[in-house]
PDB file of all heavy atoms in Angstrom:
ATOM      1  N   SER A   1     -10.160 -20.229  17.403  1.00  0.00           N
ATOM      2  CA  SER A   1      -9.732 -21.517  17.943  1.00  0.00           C
ATOM      3  C   SER A   1     -10.975 -22.273  18.402  1.00  0.00           C
ATOM      4  O   SER A   1     -11.811 -21.722  19.128  1.00  0.00           O
ATOM      5  CB  SER A   1      -8.771 -21.316  19.118  1.00  0.00           C
ATOM      6  OG  SER A   1      -8.378 -22.556  19.677  1.00  0.00           O
ATOM      7  N   THR A   2     -11.114 -23.522  17.964  1.00  0.00           N
ATOM      8  CA  THR A   2     -12.334 -24.287  18.227  1.00  0.00           C
ATOM      9  C   THR A   2     -12.125 -25.276  19.368  1.00  0.00           C
ATOM     10  O   THR A   2     -11.133 -26.006  19.408  1.00  0.00           O
ATOM     11  CB  THR A   2     -12.773 -25.046  16.967  1.00  0.00           C
ATOM     12  OG1 THR A   2     -12.998 -24.103  15.909  1.00  0.00           O
ATOM     13  CG2 THR A   2     -14.043 -25.837  17.217  1.00  0.00           C
ATOM     14  N   VAL A   3     -13.073 -25.282  20.276  1.00  0.00           N
ATOM     15  CA  VAL A   3     -13.122 -26.262  21.361  1.00  0.00           C
ATOM     16  C   VAL A   3     -14.331 -27.151  21.102  1.00  0.00           C
ATOM     17  O   VAL A   3     -15.467 -26.666  21.043  1.00  0.00           O
ATOM     18  CB  VAL A   3     -13.248 -25.577  22.733  1.00  0.00           C
ATOM     19  CG1 VAL A   3     -13.378 -26.618  23.846  1.00  0.00           C
ATOM     20  CG2 VAL A   3     -12.052 -24.671  22.988  1.00  0.00           C
ATOM     21  N   LEU A   4     -14.095 -28.455  20.919  1.00  0.00           N
ATOM     22  CA  LEU A   4     -15.180 -29.388  20.637  1.00  0.00           C
ATOM     23  C   LEU A   4     -15.773 -29.900  21.939  1.00  0.00           C
ATOM     24  O   LEU A   4     -15.047 -30.351  22.834  1.00  0.00           O
ATOM     25  CB  LEU A   4     -14.668 -30.558  19.789  1.00  0.00           C
ATOM     26  CG  LEU A   4     -14.178 -30.196  18.380  1.00  0.00           C
ATOM     27  CD1 LEU A   4     -13.633 -31.426  17.678  1.00  0.00           C
ATOM     28  CD2 LEU A   4     -15.307 -29.571  17.563  1.00  0.00           C
ATOM     29  N   LEU A   5     -17.066 -29.840  22.051  1.00  0.00           N
ATOM     30  CA  LEU A   5     -17.764 -30.264  23.263  1.00  0.00           C
ATOM     31  C   LEU A   5     -18.024 -31.760  23.207  1.00  0.00           C
ATOM     32  O   LEU A   5     -18.678 -32.263  22.293  1.00  0.00           O
ATOM     33  CB  LEU A   5     -19.083 -29.504  23.397  1.00  0.00           C
ATOM     34  CG  LEU A   5     -18.984 -27.975  23.402  1.00  0.00           C
ATOM     35  CD1 LEU A   5     -20.376 -27.357  23.451  1.00  0.00           C
ATOM     36  CD2 LEU A   5     -18.151 -27.494  24.581  1.00  0.00           C
ATOM     37  N   LYS A   6     -17.484 -32.471  24.195  1.00  0.00           N
ATOM     38  CA  LYS A   6     -17.702 -33.909  24.317  1.00  0.00           C
ATOM     39  C   LYS A   6     -18.132 -34.220  25.746  1.00  0.00           C
ATOM     40  O   LYS A   6     -17.655 -33.596  26.693  1.00  0.00           O
ATOM     41  CB  LYS A   6     -16.417 -34.682  23.996  1.00  0.00           C
ATOM     42  CG  LYS A   6     -15.863 -34.439  22.607  1.00  0.00           C
ATOM     43  CD  LYS A   6     -14.605 -35.255  22.394  1.00  0.00           C
ATOM     44  CE  LYS A   6     -13.992 -35.018  21.031  1.00  0.00           C
ATOM     45  NZ  LYS A   6     -12.765 -35.820  20.821  1.00  0.00           N
ATOM     46  N   ASN A   7     -18.992 -35.221  25.886  1.00  0.00           N
ATOM     47  CA  ASN A   7     -19.449 -35.593  27.225  1.00  0.00           C
ATOM     48  C   ASN A   7     -18.308 -36.061  28.110  1.00  0.00           C
ATOM     49  O   ASN A   7     -18.366 -35.963  29.331  1.00  0.00           O
ATOM     50  CB  ASN A   7     -20.511 -36.687  27.129  1.00  0.00           C
ATOM     51  CG  ASN A   7     -21.809 -36.171  26.538  1.00  0.00           C
ATOM     52  OD1 ASN A   7     -22.106 -34.982  26.638  1.00  0.00           O
ATOM     53  ND2 ASN A   7     -22.573 -37.049  25.920  1.00  0.00           N
ATOM     54  N   THR A   8     -17.250 -36.582  27.488  1.00  0.00           N
ATOM     55  CA  THR A   8     -16.138 -37.150  28.247  1.00  0.00           C
ATOM     56  C   THR A   8     -15.038 -36.139  28.555  1.00  0.00           C
ATOM     57  O   THR A   8     -14.044 -36.482  29.189  1.00  0.00           O
ATOM     58  CB  THR A   8     -15.526 -38.330  27.469  1.00  0.00           C
ATOM     59  OG1 THR A   8     -15.140 -37.875  26.164  1.00  0.00           O
ATOM     60  CG2 THR A   8     -16.527 -39.469  27.327  1.00  0.00           C
ATOM     61  N   VAL A   9     -15.201 -34.905  28.077  1.00  0.00           N
ATOM     62  CA  VAL A   9     -14.174 -33.878  28.287  1.00  0.00           C
ATOM     63  C   VAL A   9     -14.778 -32.738  29.103  1.00  0.00           C
ATOM     64  O   VAL A   9     -15.515 -31.905  28.574  1.00  0.00           O
ATOM     65  CB  VAL A   9     -13.629 -33.355  26.949  1.00  0.00           C
ATOM     66  CG1 VAL A   9     -12.550 -32.305  27.182  1.00  0.00           C
ATOM     67  CG2 VAL A   9     -13.077 -34.504  26.115  1.00  0.00           C
ATOM     68  N   PRO A  10     -14.487 -32.668  30.418  1.00  0.00           N
ATOM     69  CA  PRO A  10     -15.125 -31.659  31.268  1.00  0.00           C
ATOM     70  C   PRO A  10     -14.548 -30.260  31.150  1.00  0.00           C
ATOM     71  O   PRO A  10     -15.204 -29.278  31.478  1.00  0.00           O
ATOM     72  CB  PRO A  10     -14.911 -32.211  32.682  1.00  0.00           C
ATOM     73  CG  PRO A  10     -13.657 -33.024  32.575  1.00  0.00           C
ATOM     74  CD  PRO A  10     -13.667 -33.612  31.187  1.00  0.00           C
ATOM     75  N   SER A  11     -13.301 -30.146  30.697  1.00  0.00           N
ATOM     76  CA  SER A  11     -12.662 -28.832  30.681  1.00  0.00           C
ATOM     77  C   SER A  11     -11.668 -28.746  29.523  1.00  0.00           C
ATOM     78  O   SER A  11     -11.290 -29.757  28.931  1.00  0.00           O
ATOM     79  CB  SER A  11     -11.942 -28.559  32.003  1.00  0.00           C
ATOM     80  OG  SER A  11     -10.927 -29.519  32.223  1.00  0.00           O
ATOM     81  N   ALA A  12     -11.245 -27.510  29.229  1.00  0.00           N
ATOM     82  CA  ALA A  12     -10.257 -27.277  28.169  1.00  0.00           C
ATOM     83  C   ALA A  12      -9.562 -25.959  28.463  1.00  0.00           C
ATOM     84  O   ALA A  12      -9.987 -25.181  29.325  1.00  0.00           O
ATOM     85  CB  ALA A  12     -10.927 -27.246  26.798  1.00  0.00           C
ATOM     86  N   GLU A  13      -8.484 -25.708  27.752  1.00  0.00           N
ATOM     87  CA  GLU A  13      -7.730 -24.473  27.960  1.00  0.00           C
ATOM     88  C   GLU A  13      -7.245 -23.922  26.634  1.00  0.00           C
ATOM     89  O   GLU A  13      -6.857 -24.676  25.729  1.00  0.00           O
ATOM     90  CB  GLU A  13      -6.539 -24.718  28.884  1.00  0.00           C
ATOM     91  CG  GLU A  13      -5.757 -23.453  29.240  1.00  0.00           C
ATOM     92  CD  GLU A  13      -4.650 -23.704  30.253  1.00  0.00           C
ATOM     93  OE1 GLU A  13      -4.370 -24.889  30.544  1.00  0.00           O
ATOM     94  OE2 GLU A  13      -4.069 -22.730  30.752  1.00  0.00           O
ATOM     95  N   GLY A  14      -7.289 -22.603  26.508  1.00  0.00           N
ATOM     96  CA  GLY A  14      -6.750 -21.937  25.336  1.00  0.00           C
ATOM     97  C   GLY A  14      -5.627 -20.993  25.739  1.00  0.00           C
ATOM     98  O   GLY A  14      -5.664 -20.402  26.820  1.00  0.00           O
ATOM     99  N   ARG A  15      -4.622 -20.874  24.873  1.00  0.00           N
ATOM    100  CA  ARG A  15      -3.481 -20.003  25.160  1.00  0.00           C
ATOM    101  C   ARG A  15      -3.081 -19.239  23.896  1.00  0.00           C
ATOM    102  O   ARG A  15      -3.125 -19.786  22.800  1.00  0.00           O
ATOM    103  CB  ARG A  15      -2.277 -20.820  25.646  1.00  0.00           C
ATOM    104  CG  ARG A  15      -2.488 -21.500  27.001  1.00  0.00           C
ATOM    105  CD  ARG A  15      -1.268 -22.361  27.362  1.00  0.00           C
ATOM    106  NE  ARG A  15      -1.410 -22.988  28.661  1.00  0.00           N
ATOM    107  CZ  ARG A  15      -1.049 -22.433  29.807  1.00  0.00           C
ATOM    108  NH1 ARG A  15      -0.515 -21.212  29.812  1.00  0.00           N
ATOM    109  NH2 ARG A  15      -1.204 -23.071  30.950  1.00  0.00           N
ATOM    110  N   PHE A  16      -2.701 -17.996  24.075  1.00  0.00           N
ATOM    111  CA  PHE A  16      -2.135 -17.214  22.978  1.00  0.00           C
ATOM    112  C   PHE A  16      -1.261 -16.119  23.574  1.00  0.00           C
ATOM    113  O   PHE A  16      -1.236 -15.905  24.791  1.00  0.00           O
ATOM    114  CB  PHE A  16      -3.233 -16.632  22.070  1.00  0.00           C
ATOM    115  CG  PHE A  16      -4.147 -15.637  22.742  1.00  0.00           C
ATOM    116  CD1 PHE A  16      -3.880 -14.269  22.699  1.00  0.00           C
ATOM    117  CD2 PHE A  16      -5.286 -16.055  23.399  1.00  0.00           C
ATOM    118  CE1 PHE A  16      -4.717 -13.353  23.303  1.00  0.00           C
ATOM    119  CE2 PHE A  16      -6.143 -15.147  24.015  1.00  0.00           C
ATOM    120  CZ  PHE A  16      -5.854 -13.793  23.963  1.00  0.00           C
ATOM    121  N   ARG A  17      -0.507 -15.413  22.730  1.00  0.00           N
ATOM    122  CA  ARG A  17       0.364 -14.321  23.172  1.00  0.00           C
ATOM    123  C   ARG A  17       0.038 -13.051  22.396  1.00  0.00           C
ATOM    124  O   ARG A  17      -0.581 -13.102  21.320  1.00  0.00           O
ATOM    125  CB  ARG A  17       1.842 -14.683  22.956  1.00  0.00           C
ATOM    126  CG  ARG A  17       2.341 -15.868  23.779  1.00  0.00           C
ATOM    127  CD  ARG A  17       3.782 -16.182  23.427  1.00  0.00           C
ATOM    128  NE  ARG A  17       4.266 -17.398  24.052  1.00  0.00           N
ATOM    129  CZ  ARG A  17       4.890 -17.447  25.212  1.00  0.00           C
ATOM    130  NH1 ARG A  17       5.123 -16.319  25.882  1.00  0.00           N
ATOM    131  NH2 ARG A  17       5.303 -18.598  25.722  1.00  0.00           N
ATOM    132  N   ILE A  18       0.493 -11.944  22.931  1.00  0.00           N
ATOM    133  CA  ILE A  18       0.427 -10.663  22.234  1.00  0.00           C
ATOM    134  C   ILE A  18       1.835 -10.359  21.712  1.00  0.00           C
ATOM    135  O   ILE A  18       2.826 -10.560  22.430  1.00  0.00           O
ATOM    136  CB  ILE A  18      -0.054  -9.540  23.160  1.00  0.00           C
ATOM    137  CG1 ILE A  18      -1.386  -9.918  23.811  1.00  0.00           C
ATOM    138  CG2 ILE A  18      -0.180  -8.233  22.388  1.00  0.00           C
ATOM    139  CD1 ILE A  18      -2.514 -10.178  22.841  1.00  0.00           C
ATOM    140  N   ALA A  19       1.930  -9.879  20.482  1.00  0.00           N
ATOM    141  CA  ALA A  19       3.230  -9.633  19.854  1.00  0.00           C
ATOM    142  C   ALA A  19       3.275  -8.233  19.260  1.00  0.00           C
ATOM    143  O   ALA A  19       2.253  -7.545  19.113  1.00  0.00           O
ATOM    144  CB  ALA A  19       3.486 -10.675  18.764  1.00  0.00           C
ATOM    145  N   MET A  20       4.498  -7.818  18.885  1.00  0.00           N
ATOM    146  CA  MET A  20       4.680  -6.579  18.132  1.00  0.00           C
ATOM    147  C   MET A  20       5.888  -6.742  17.215  1.00  0.00           C
ATOM    148  O   MET A  20       6.682  -7.686  17.361  1.00  0.00           O
ATOM    149  CB  MET A  20       4.839  -5.385  19.065  1.00  0.00           C
ATOM    150  CG  MET A  20       5.992  -5.454  20.020  1.00  0.00           C
ATOM    151  SD  MET A  20       5.929  -4.040  21.164  1.00  0.00           S
ATOM    152  CE  MET A  20       7.364  -4.389  22.182  1.00  0.00           C
ATOM    153  N   ALA A  21       6.019  -5.834  16.273  1.00  0.00           N
ATOM    154  CA  ALA A  21       7.011  -6.003  15.203  1.00  0.00           C
ATOM    155  C   ALA A  21       8.444  -5.862  15.696  1.00  0.00           C
ATOM    156  O   ALA A  21       9.337  -6.580  15.267  1.00  0.00           O
ATOM    157  CB  ALA A  21       6.734  -5.002  14.085  1.00  0.00           C
ATOM    158  N   LYS A  22       8.701  -4.919  16.613  1.00  0.00           N
ATOM    159  CA  LYS A  22      10.076  -4.690  17.066  1.00  0.00           C
ATOM    160  C   LYS A  22      10.055  -4.285  18.540  1.00  0.00           C
ATOM    161  O   LYS A  22       9.037  -3.798  19.052  1.00  0.00           O
ATOM    162  CB  LYS A  22      10.746  -3.609  16.222  1.00  0.00           C
ATOM    163  CG  LYS A  22      10.063  -2.261  16.283  1.00  0.00           C
ATOM    164  CD  LYS A  22      10.766  -1.234  15.423  1.00  0.00           C
ATOM    165  CE  LYS A  22      10.087   0.131  15.546  1.00  0.00           C
ATOM    166  NZ  LYS A  22      10.802   1.163  14.778  1.00  0.00           N
ATOM    167  N   PRO A  23      11.141  -4.482  19.242  1.00  0.00           N
ATOM    168  CA  PRO A  23      11.176  -4.174  20.679  1.00  0.00           C
ATOM    169  C   PRO A  23      11.011  -2.684  20.947  1.00  0.00           C
ATOM    170  O   PRO A  23      11.342  -1.832  20.130  1.00  0.00           O
ATOM    171  CB  PRO A  23      12.553  -4.665  21.116  1.00  0.00           C
ATOM    172  CG  PRO A  23      13.022  -5.576  20.035  1.00  0.00           C
ATOM    173  CD  PRO A  23      12.410  -5.077  18.773  1.00  0.00           C
ATOM    174  N   GLU A  24      10.490  -2.398  22.142  1.00  0.00           N
ATOM    175  CA  GLU A  24      10.400  -1.027  22.631  1.00  0.00           C
ATOM    176  C   GLU A  24      11.452  -0.823  23.728  1.00  0.00           C
ATOM    177  O   GLU A  24      12.034  -1.781  24.251  1.00  0.00           O
ATOM    178  CB  GLU A  24       8.995  -0.758  23.193  1.00  0.00           C
ATOM    179  CG  GLU A  24       7.897  -0.719  22.148  1.00  0.00           C
ATOM    180  CD  GLU A  24       7.909   0.563  21.325  1.00  0.00           C
ATOM    181  OE1 GLU A  24       8.522   1.562  21.782  1.00  0.00           O
ATOM    182  OE2 GLU A  24       7.318   0.566  20.226  1.00  0.00           O
ATOM    183  N   THR A  25      11.672   0.428  24.075  1.00  0.00           N
ATOM    184  CA  THR A  25      12.668   0.753  25.106  1.00  0.00           C
ATOM    185  C   THR A  25      12.057   0.758  26.505  1.00  0.00           C
ATOM    186  O   THR A  25      12.723   1.108  27.476  1.00  0.00           O
ATOM    187  CB  THR A  25      13.298   2.124  24.811  1.00  0.00           C
ATOM    188  OG1 THR A  25      12.252   3.107  24.738  1.00  0.00           O
ATOM    189  CG2 THR A  25      14.064   2.082  23.491  1.00  0.00           C
ATOM    190  N   GLN A  26      10.790   0.393  26.590  1.00  0.00           N
ATOM    191  CA  GLN A  26      10.132   0.275  27.884  1.00  0.00           C
ATOM    192  C   GLN A  26       9.117  -0.860  27.809  1.00  0.00           C
ATOM    193  O   GLN A  26       8.741  -1.308  26.720  1.00  0.00           O
ATOM    194  CB  GLN A  26       9.423   1.582  28.246  1.00  0.00           C
ATOM    195  CG  GLN A  26       8.332   1.981  27.257  1.00  0.00           C
ATOM    196  CD  GLN A  26       7.655   3.278  27.622  1.00  0.00           C
ATOM    197  OE1 GLN A  26       7.903   3.834  28.677  1.00  0.00           O
ATOM    198  NE2 GLN A  26       6.775   3.764  26.748  1.00  0.00           N
ATOM    199  N   ASP A  27       8.682  -1.357  28.965  1.00  0.00           N
ATOM    200  CA  ASP A  27       7.666  -2.398  28.986  1.00  0.00           C
ATOM    201  C   ASP A  27       6.391  -1.904  28.308  1.00  0.00           C
ATOM    202  O   ASP A  27       6.007  -0.736  28.452  1.00  0.00           O
ATOM    203  CB  ASP A  27       7.332  -2.795  30.417  1.00  0.00           C
ATOM    204  CG  ASP A  27       8.440  -3.624  31.063  1.00  0.00           C
ATOM    205  OD1 ASP A  27       9.460  -3.874  30.388  1.00  0.00           O
ATOM    206  OD2 ASP A  27       8.276  -4.010  32.231  1.00  0.00           O
ATOM    207  N   VAL A  28       5.761  -2.811  27.568  1.00  0.00           N
ATOM    208  CA  VAL A  28       4.456  -2.510  26.965  1.00  0.00           C
ATOM    209  C   VAL A  28       3.396  -3.196  27.819  1.00  0.00           C
ATOM    210  O   VAL A  28       3.358  -4.422  27.926  1.00  0.00           O
ATOM    211  CB  VAL A  28       4.384  -3.004  25.508  1.00  0.00           C
ATOM    212  CG1 VAL A  28       2.986  -2.772  24.940  1.00  0.00           C
ATOM    213  CG2 VAL A  28       5.436  -2.303  24.653  1.00  0.00           C
ATOM    214  N   ALA A  29       2.563  -2.402  28.451  1.00  0.00           N
ATOM    215  CA  ALA A  29       1.500  -2.919  29.314  1.00  0.00           C
ATOM    216  C   ALA A  29       0.216  -3.082  28.511  1.00  0.00           C
ATOM    217  O   ALA A  29      -0.198  -2.164  27.797  1.00  0.00           O
ATOM    218  CB  ALA A  29       1.275  -1.979  30.492  1.00  0.00           C
ATOM    219  N   ILE A  30      -0.414  -4.255  28.645  1.00  0.00           N
ATOM    220  CA  ILE A  30      -1.585  -4.584  27.831  1.00  0.00           C
ATOM    221  C   ILE A  30      -2.683  -5.117  28.745  1.00  0.00           C
ATOM    222  O   ILE A  30      -2.434  -5.956  29.613  1.00  0.00           O
ATOM    223  CB  ILE A  30      -1.233  -5.667  26.781  1.00  0.00           C
ATOM    224  CG1 ILE A  30      -0.059  -5.209  25.910  1.00  0.00           C
ATOM    225  CG2 ILE A  30      -2.449  -6.020  25.935  1.00  0.00           C
ATOM    226  CD1 ILE A  30       0.706  -6.349  25.295  1.00  0.00           C
ATOM    227  N   SER A  31      -3.881  -4.656  28.558  1.00  0.00           N
ATOM    228  CA  SER A  31      -5.035  -5.218  29.270  1.00  0.00           C
ATOM    229  C   SER A  31      -5.983  -5.840  28.256  1.00  0.00           C
ATOM    230  O   SER A  31      -6.117  -5.354  27.127  1.00  0.00           O
ATOM    231  CB  SER A  31      -5.752  -4.141  30.082  1.00  0.00           C
ATOM    232  OG  SER A  31      -6.278  -3.147  29.238  1.00  0.00           O
ATOM    233  N   LEU A  32      -6.612  -6.933  28.676  1.00  0.00           N
ATOM    234  CA  LEU A  32      -7.523  -7.674  27.798  1.00  0.00           C
ATOM    235  C   LEU A  32      -8.887  -7.768  28.451  1.00  0.00           C
ATOM    236  O   LEU A  32      -9.012  -7.658  29.675  1.00  0.00           O
ATOM    237  CB  LEU A  32      -6.984  -9.065  27.506  1.00  0.00           C
ATOM    238  CG  LEU A  32      -5.617  -9.108  26.835  1.00  0.00           C
ATOM    239  CD1 LEU A  32      -4.596  -9.657  27.806  1.00  0.00           C
ATOM    240  CD2 LEU A  32      -5.658  -9.912  25.564  1.00  0.00           C
ATOM    241  N   LYS A  33      -9.889  -8.033  27.639  1.00  0.00           N
ATOM    242  CA  LYS A  33     -11.228  -8.208  28.182  1.00  0.00           C
ATOM    243  C   LYS A  33     -12.044  -9.100  27.245  1.00  0.00           C
ATOM    244  O   LYS A  33     -11.715  -9.271  26.068  1.00  0.00           O
ATOM    245  CB  LYS A  33     -11.927  -6.869  28.355  1.00  0.00           C
ATOM    246  CG  LYS A  33     -12.266  -6.155  27.042  1.00  0.00           C
ATOM    247  CD  LYS A  33     -13.067  -4.874  27.294  1.00  0.00           C
ATOM    248  CE  LYS A  33     -13.440  -4.185  25.990  1.00  0.00           C
ATOM    249  NZ  LYS A  33     -14.245  -2.972  26.216  1.00  0.00           N
ATOM    250  N   VAL A  34     -13.089  -9.672  27.798  1.00  0.00           N
ATOM    251  CA  VAL A  34     -14.088 -10.379  27.000  1.00  0.00           C
ATOM    252  C   VAL A  34     -15.076  -9.340  26.489  1.00  0.00           C
ATOM    253  O   VAL A  34     -15.595  -8.526  27.255  1.00  0.00           O
ATOM    254  CB  VAL A  34     -14.803 -11.451  27.851  1.00  0.00           C
ATOM    255  CG1 VAL A  34     -15.961 -12.060  27.071  1.00  0.00           C
ATOM    256  CG2 VAL A  34     -13.816 -12.519  28.289  1.00  0.00           C
ATOM    257  N   GLU A  35     -15.322  -9.359  25.173  1.00  0.00           N
ATOM    258  CA  GLU A  35     -16.205  -8.362  24.558  1.00  0.00           C
ATOM    259  C   GLU A  35     -17.366  -9.057  23.839  1.00  0.00           C
ATOM    260  O   GLU A  35     -17.271  -9.442  22.665  1.00  0.00           O
ATOM    261  CB  GLU A  35     -15.420  -7.503  23.577  1.00  0.00           C
ATOM    262  CG  GLU A  35     -16.240  -6.395  22.919  1.00  0.00           C
ATOM    263  CD  GLU A  35     -17.002  -5.562  23.943  1.00  0.00           C
ATOM    264  OE1 GLU A  35     -16.396  -4.648  24.526  1.00  0.00           O
ATOM    265  OE2 GLU A  35     -18.195  -5.855  24.158  1.00  0.00           O
ATOM    266  N   PRO A  36     -18.503  -9.261  24.542  1.00  0.00           N
ATOM    267  CA  PRO A  36     -19.639  -9.971  23.929  1.00  0.00           C
ATOM    268  C   PRO A  36     -20.134  -9.336  22.638  1.00  0.00           C
ATOM    269  O   PRO A  36     -20.637 -10.042  21.754  1.00  0.00           O
ATOM    270  CB  PRO A  36     -20.711  -9.917  25.027  1.00  0.00           C
ATOM    271  CG  PRO A  36     -19.945  -9.772  26.302  1.00  0.00           C
ATOM    272  CD  PRO A  36     -18.765  -8.914  25.950  1.00  0.00           C
ATOM    273  N   ALA A  37     -20.019  -8.034  22.503  1.00  0.00           N
ATOM    274  CA  ALA A  37     -20.538  -7.357  21.305  1.00  0.00           C
ATOM    275  C   ALA A  37     -19.861  -7.841  20.029  1.00  0.00           C
ATOM    276  O   ALA A  37     -20.424  -7.720  18.934  1.00  0.00           O
ATOM    277  CB  ALA A  37     -20.364  -5.845  21.455  1.00  0.00           C
ATOM    278  N   LEU A  38     -18.655  -8.401  20.162  1.00  0.00           N
ATOM    279  CA  LEU A  38     -17.924  -8.852  18.968  1.00  0.00           C
ATOM    280  C   LEU A  38     -18.439 -10.181  18.423  1.00  0.00           C
ATOM    281  O   LEU A  38     -17.992 -10.622  17.364  1.00  0.00           O
ATOM    282  CB  LEU A  38     -16.429  -8.970  19.292  1.00  0.00           C
ATOM    283  CG  LEU A  38     -15.709  -7.634  19.507  1.00  0.00           C
ATOM    284  CD1 LEU A  38     -14.274  -7.866  19.959  1.00  0.00           C
ATOM    285  CD2 LEU A  38     -15.749  -6.795  18.245  1.00  0.00           C
ATOM    286  N   VAL A  39     -19.371 -10.824  19.107  1.00  0.00           N
ATOM    287  CA  VAL A  39     -19.970 -12.048  18.560  1.00  0.00           C
ATOM    288  C   VAL A  39     -20.660 -11.749  17.229  1.00  0.00           C
ATOM    289  O   VAL A  39     -20.617 -12.553  16.301  1.00  0.00           O
ATOM    290  CB  VAL A  39     -20.957 -12.669  19.563  1.00  0.00           C
ATOM    291  CG1 VAL A  39     -21.730 -13.833  18.928  1.00  0.00           C
ATOM    292  CG2 VAL A  39     -20.217 -13.165  20.797  1.00  0.00           C
ATOM    293  N   SER A  40     -21.268 -10.585  17.109  1.00  0.00           N
ATOM    294  CA  SER A  40     -21.921 -10.207  15.846  1.00  0.00           C
ATOM    295  C   SER A  40     -20.901 -10.071  14.728  1.00  0.00           C
ATOM    296  O   SER A  40     -21.183 -10.390  13.563  1.00  0.00           O
ATOM    297  CB  SER A  40     -22.707  -8.903  16.013  1.00  0.00           C
ATOM    298  OG  SER A  40     -21.847  -7.849  16.409  1.00  0.00           O
ATOM    299  N   THR A  41     -19.690  -9.602  15.056  1.00  0.00           N
ATOM    300  CA  THR A  41     -18.622  -9.515  14.056  1.00  0.00           C
ATOM    301  C   THR A  41     -18.232 -10.915  13.583  1.00  0.00           C
ATOM    302  O   THR A  41     -18.041 -11.156  12.381  1.00  0.00           O
ATOM    303  CB  THR A  41     -17.395  -8.805  14.648  1.00  0.00           C
ATOM    304  OG1 THR A  41     -17.782  -7.511  15.096  1.00  0.00           O
ATOM    305  CG2 THR A  41     -16.283  -8.681  13.620  1.00  0.00           C
ATOM    306  N   TYR A  42     -18.117 -11.849  14.536  1.00  0.00           N
ATOM    307  CA  TYR A  42     -17.806 -13.235  14.178  1.00  0.00           C
ATOM    308  C   TYR A  42     -18.910 -13.819  13.289  1.00  0.00           C
ATOM    309  O   TYR A  42     -18.625 -14.433  12.252  1.00  0.00           O
ATOM    310  CB  TYR A  42     -17.649 -14.083  15.442  1.00  0.00           C
ATOM    311  CG  TYR A  42     -17.572 -15.569  15.152  1.00  0.00           C
ATOM    312  CD1 TYR A  42     -16.361 -16.164  14.819  1.00  0.00           C
ATOM    313  CD2 TYR A  42     -18.717 -16.361  15.186  1.00  0.00           C
ATOM    314  CE1 TYR A  42     -16.296 -17.520  14.527  1.00  0.00           C
ATOM    315  CE2 TYR A  42     -18.648 -17.714  14.890  1.00  0.00           C
ATOM    316  CZ  TYR A  42     -17.442 -18.284  14.568  1.00  0.00           C
ATOM    317  OH  TYR A  42     -17.379 -19.620  14.269  1.00  0.00           O
ATOM    318  N   ASN A  43     -20.158 -13.640  13.670  1.00  0.00           N
ATOM    319  CA  ASN A  43     -21.267 -14.191  12.892  1.00  0.00           C
ATOM    320  C   ASN A  43     -21.306 -13.617  11.476  1.00  0.00           C
ATOM    321  O   ASN A  43     -21.589 -14.327  10.514  1.00  0.00           O
ATOM    322  CB  ASN A  43     -22.595 -13.914  13.602  1.00  0.00           C
ATOM    323  CG  ASN A  43     -22.805 -14.823  14.800  1.00  0.00           C
ATOM    324  OD1 ASN A  43     -22.251 -15.910  14.864  1.00  0.00           O
ATOM    325  ND2 ASN A  43     -23.599 -14.365  15.763  1.00  0.00           N
TER     326      ASN A  43
END
């Protein structure tokens, strides 16, 4: 998802969800993190 930098835009927000193919019989707990090492994968 691309955020374009403009002098007139001080802030922005991104949103997404986590999904799965079918429901489970209990809550699915998920933790997320920022992973700088994956920048090399993007490049």
